[in-house]
């Protein structure tokens, strides 16, 4: 397992470290990754249907699902919207 230590956007580099991570933390991270992949699939398919770049959708409202909607994850917002 790797841990991200630092992201240098100017140089487009990521510093990684091999680190011993507890098993429960791995499970939590894997669940979060699975949710993130599902969200991106929804965003990408929406972008295709609308003929809009996916980055534009994230900037217009996608990131707000994480930051402002009051859900722990954007996936949860989509789940509630679909129920």
C-alpha atoms as a PDB file:
ATOM      1  CA  UNK A   1       0.000   0.000   0.000  1.00  0.00           C
ATOM      2  CA  UNK A   2       1.198   3.489  -0.758  1.00  0.00           C
ATOM      3  CA  UNK A   3       0.518   6.774   0.975  1.00  0.00           C
ATOM      4  CA  UNK A   4       0.498  10.118  -0.823  1.00  0.00           C
ATOM      5  CA  UNK A   5       2.892  12.436   0.980  1.00  0.00           C
ATOM      6  CA  UNK A   6       2.778  15.490  -1.255  1.00  0.00           C
ATOM      7  CA  UNK A   7       1.339  16.615  -4.582  1.00  0.00           C
ATOM      8  CA  UNK A   8       3.260  19.158  -6.645  1.00  0.00           C
ATOM      9  CA  UNK A   9       0.808  20.404  -9.263  1.00  0.00           C
ATOM     10  CA  UNK A  10       3.376  22.665 -10.921  1.00  0.00           C
ATOM     11  CA  UNK A  11       5.755  19.769 -11.611  1.00  0.00           C
ATOM     12  CA  UNK A  12       2.907  17.262 -12.012  1.00  0.00           C
ATOM     13  CA  UNK A  13       4.552  14.966  -9.439  1.00  0.00           C
ATOM     14  CA  UNK A  14       3.290  12.940  -6.517  1.00  0.00           C
ATOM     15  CA  UNK A  15       5.560  11.878  -3.665  1.00  0.00           C
ATOM     16  CA  UNK A  16       4.605   8.439  -2.385  1.00  0.00           C
ATOM     17  CA  UNK A  17       5.676   6.424   0.604  1.00  0.00           C
ATOM     18  CA  UNK A  18       5.351   2.740   1.307  1.00  0.00           C
ATOM     19  CA  UNK A  19       3.635   2.565   4.624  1.00  0.00           C
ATOM     20  CA  UNK A  20       2.191  -0.069   6.842  1.00  0.00           C
ATOM     21  CA  UNK A  21      -1.519   0.586   6.933  1.00  0.00           C
ATOM     22  CA  UNK A  22      -3.978  -1.099   9.279  1.00  0.00           C
ATOM     23  CA  UNK A  23      -6.362  -3.586   7.710  1.00  0.00           C
ATOM     24  CA  UNK A  24      -9.465  -1.618   8.725  1.00  0.00           C
ATOM     25  CA  UNK A  25      -8.107   1.511   7.022  1.00  0.00           C
ATOM     26  CA  UNK A  26      -7.575  -0.470   3.829  1.00  0.00           C
ATOM     27  CA  UNK A  27     -11.200  -1.606   3.848  1.00  0.00           C
ATOM     28  CA  UNK A  28     -12.457   1.938   4.346  1.00  0.00           C
ATOM     29  CA  UNK A  29     -10.238   3.218   1.522  1.00  0.00           C
ATOM     30  CA  UNK A  30     -11.386   0.448  -0.823  1.00  0.00           C
ATOM     31  CA  UNK A  31     -15.058   1.264  -0.151  1.00  0.00           C
ATOM     32  CA  UNK A  32     -14.408   4.957  -0.782  1.00  0.00           C
ATOM     33  CA  UNK A  33     -12.586   4.145  -4.041  1.00  0.00           C
ATOM     34  CA  UNK A  34     -15.477   1.958  -5.196  1.00  0.00           C
ATOM     35  CA  UNK A  35     -17.929   4.799  -4.510  1.00  0.00           C
ATOM     36  CA  UNK A  36     -15.680   7.306  -6.300  1.00  0.00           C
ATOM     37  CA  UNK A  37     -15.490   5.075  -9.371  1.00  0.00           C
ATOM     38  CA  UNK A  38     -19.290   4.800  -9.428  1.00  0.00           C
ATOM     39  CA  UNK A  39     -19.675   8.573  -9.125  1.00  0.00           C
ATOM     40  CA  UNK A  40     -17.221   9.145 -11.959  1.00  0.00           C
ATOM     41  CA  UNK A  41     -19.070   6.657 -14.153  1.00  0.00           C
ATOM     42  CA  UNK A  42     -22.328   8.529 -13.531  1.00  0.00           C
ATOM     43  CA  UNK A  43     -20.642  11.875 -14.201  1.00  0.00           C
ATOM     44  CA  UNK A  44     -18.988  10.594 -17.382  1.00  0.00           C
ATOM     45  CA  UNK A  45     -22.227   9.107 -18.738  1.00  0.00           C
ATOM     46  CA  UNK A  46     -24.103  12.315 -17.921  1.00  0.00           C
ATOM     47  CA  UNK A  47     -21.438  14.331 -19.731  1.00  0.00           C
ATOM     48  CA  UNK A  48     -21.758  12.102 -22.796  1.00  0.00           C
ATOM     49  CA  UNK A  49     -25.557  12.436 -22.846  1.00  0.00           C
ATOM     50  CA  UNK A  50     -25.352  16.230 -22.469  1.00  0.00           C
ATOM     51  CA  UNK A  51     -22.431  16.637 -24.878  1.00  0.00           C
ATOM     52  CA  UNK A  52     -20.523  18.480 -22.156  1.00  0.00           C
ATOM     53  CA  UNK A  53     -16.970  17.896 -20.904  1.00  0.00           C
ATOM     54  CA  UNK A  54     -17.024  15.884 -17.685  1.00  0.00           C
ATOM     55  CA  UNK A  55     -14.677  18.419 -16.079  1.00  0.00           C
ATOM     56  CA  UNK A  56     -17.285  21.113 -16.661  1.00  0.00           C
ATOM     57  CA  UNK A  57     -19.951  19.072 -14.866  1.00  0.00           C
ATOM     58  CA  UNK A  58     -17.652  18.490 -11.911  1.00  0.00           C
ATOM     59  CA  UNK A  59     -16.908  22.220 -11.713  1.00  0.00           C
ATOM     60  CA  UNK A  60     -20.539  23.288 -12.107  1.00  0.00           C
ATOM     61  CA  UNK A  61     -22.093  20.913  -9.561  1.00  0.00           C
ATOM     62  CA  UNK A  62     -20.183  17.654  -9.124  1.00  0.00           C
ATOM     63  CA  UNK A  63     -17.718  18.852  -6.494  1.00  0.00           C
ATOM     64  CA  UNK A  64     -20.592  20.453  -4.575  1.00  0.00           C
ATOM     65  CA  UNK A  65     -21.963  16.966  -3.958  1.00  0.00           C
ATOM     66  CA  UNK A  66     -18.865  16.370  -1.852  1.00  0.00           C
ATOM     67  CA  UNK A  67     -18.453  19.804  -0.319  1.00  0.00           C
ATOM     68  CA  UNK A  68     -21.883  21.379   0.134  1.00  0.00           C
ATOM     69  CA  UNK A  69     -24.643  18.777  -0.118  1.00  0.00           C
ATOM     70  CA  UNK A  70     -24.232  17.436   3.400  1.00  0.00           C
ATOM     71  CA  UNK A  71     -23.408  13.870   2.389  1.00  0.00           C
ATOM     72  CA  UNK A  72     -20.302  11.928   3.368  1.00  0.00           C
ATOM     73  CA  UNK A  73     -19.768  11.043  -0.291  1.00  0.00           C
ATOM     74  CA  UNK A  74     -21.263  12.144  -3.613  1.00  0.00           C
ATOM     75  CA  UNK A  75     -22.324   8.533  -4.153  1.00  0.00           C
ATOM     76  CA  UNK A  76     -24.713   8.896  -1.226  1.00  0.00           C
ATOM     77  CA  UNK A  77     -26.266  11.968  -2.855  1.00  0.00           C
ATOM     78  CA  UNK A  78     -26.849  10.018  -6.069  1.00  0.00           C
ATOM     79  CA  UNK A  79     -28.274   7.081  -4.084  1.00  0.00           C
ATOM     80  CA  UNK A  80     -30.793   9.374  -2.366  1.00  0.00           C
ATOM     81  CA  UNK A  81     -31.689  11.049  -5.657  1.00  0.00           C
ATOM     82  CA  UNK A  82     -32.429   7.668  -7.239  1.00  0.00           C
ATOM     83  CA  UNK A  83     -34.645   6.404  -4.411  1.00  0.00           C
END
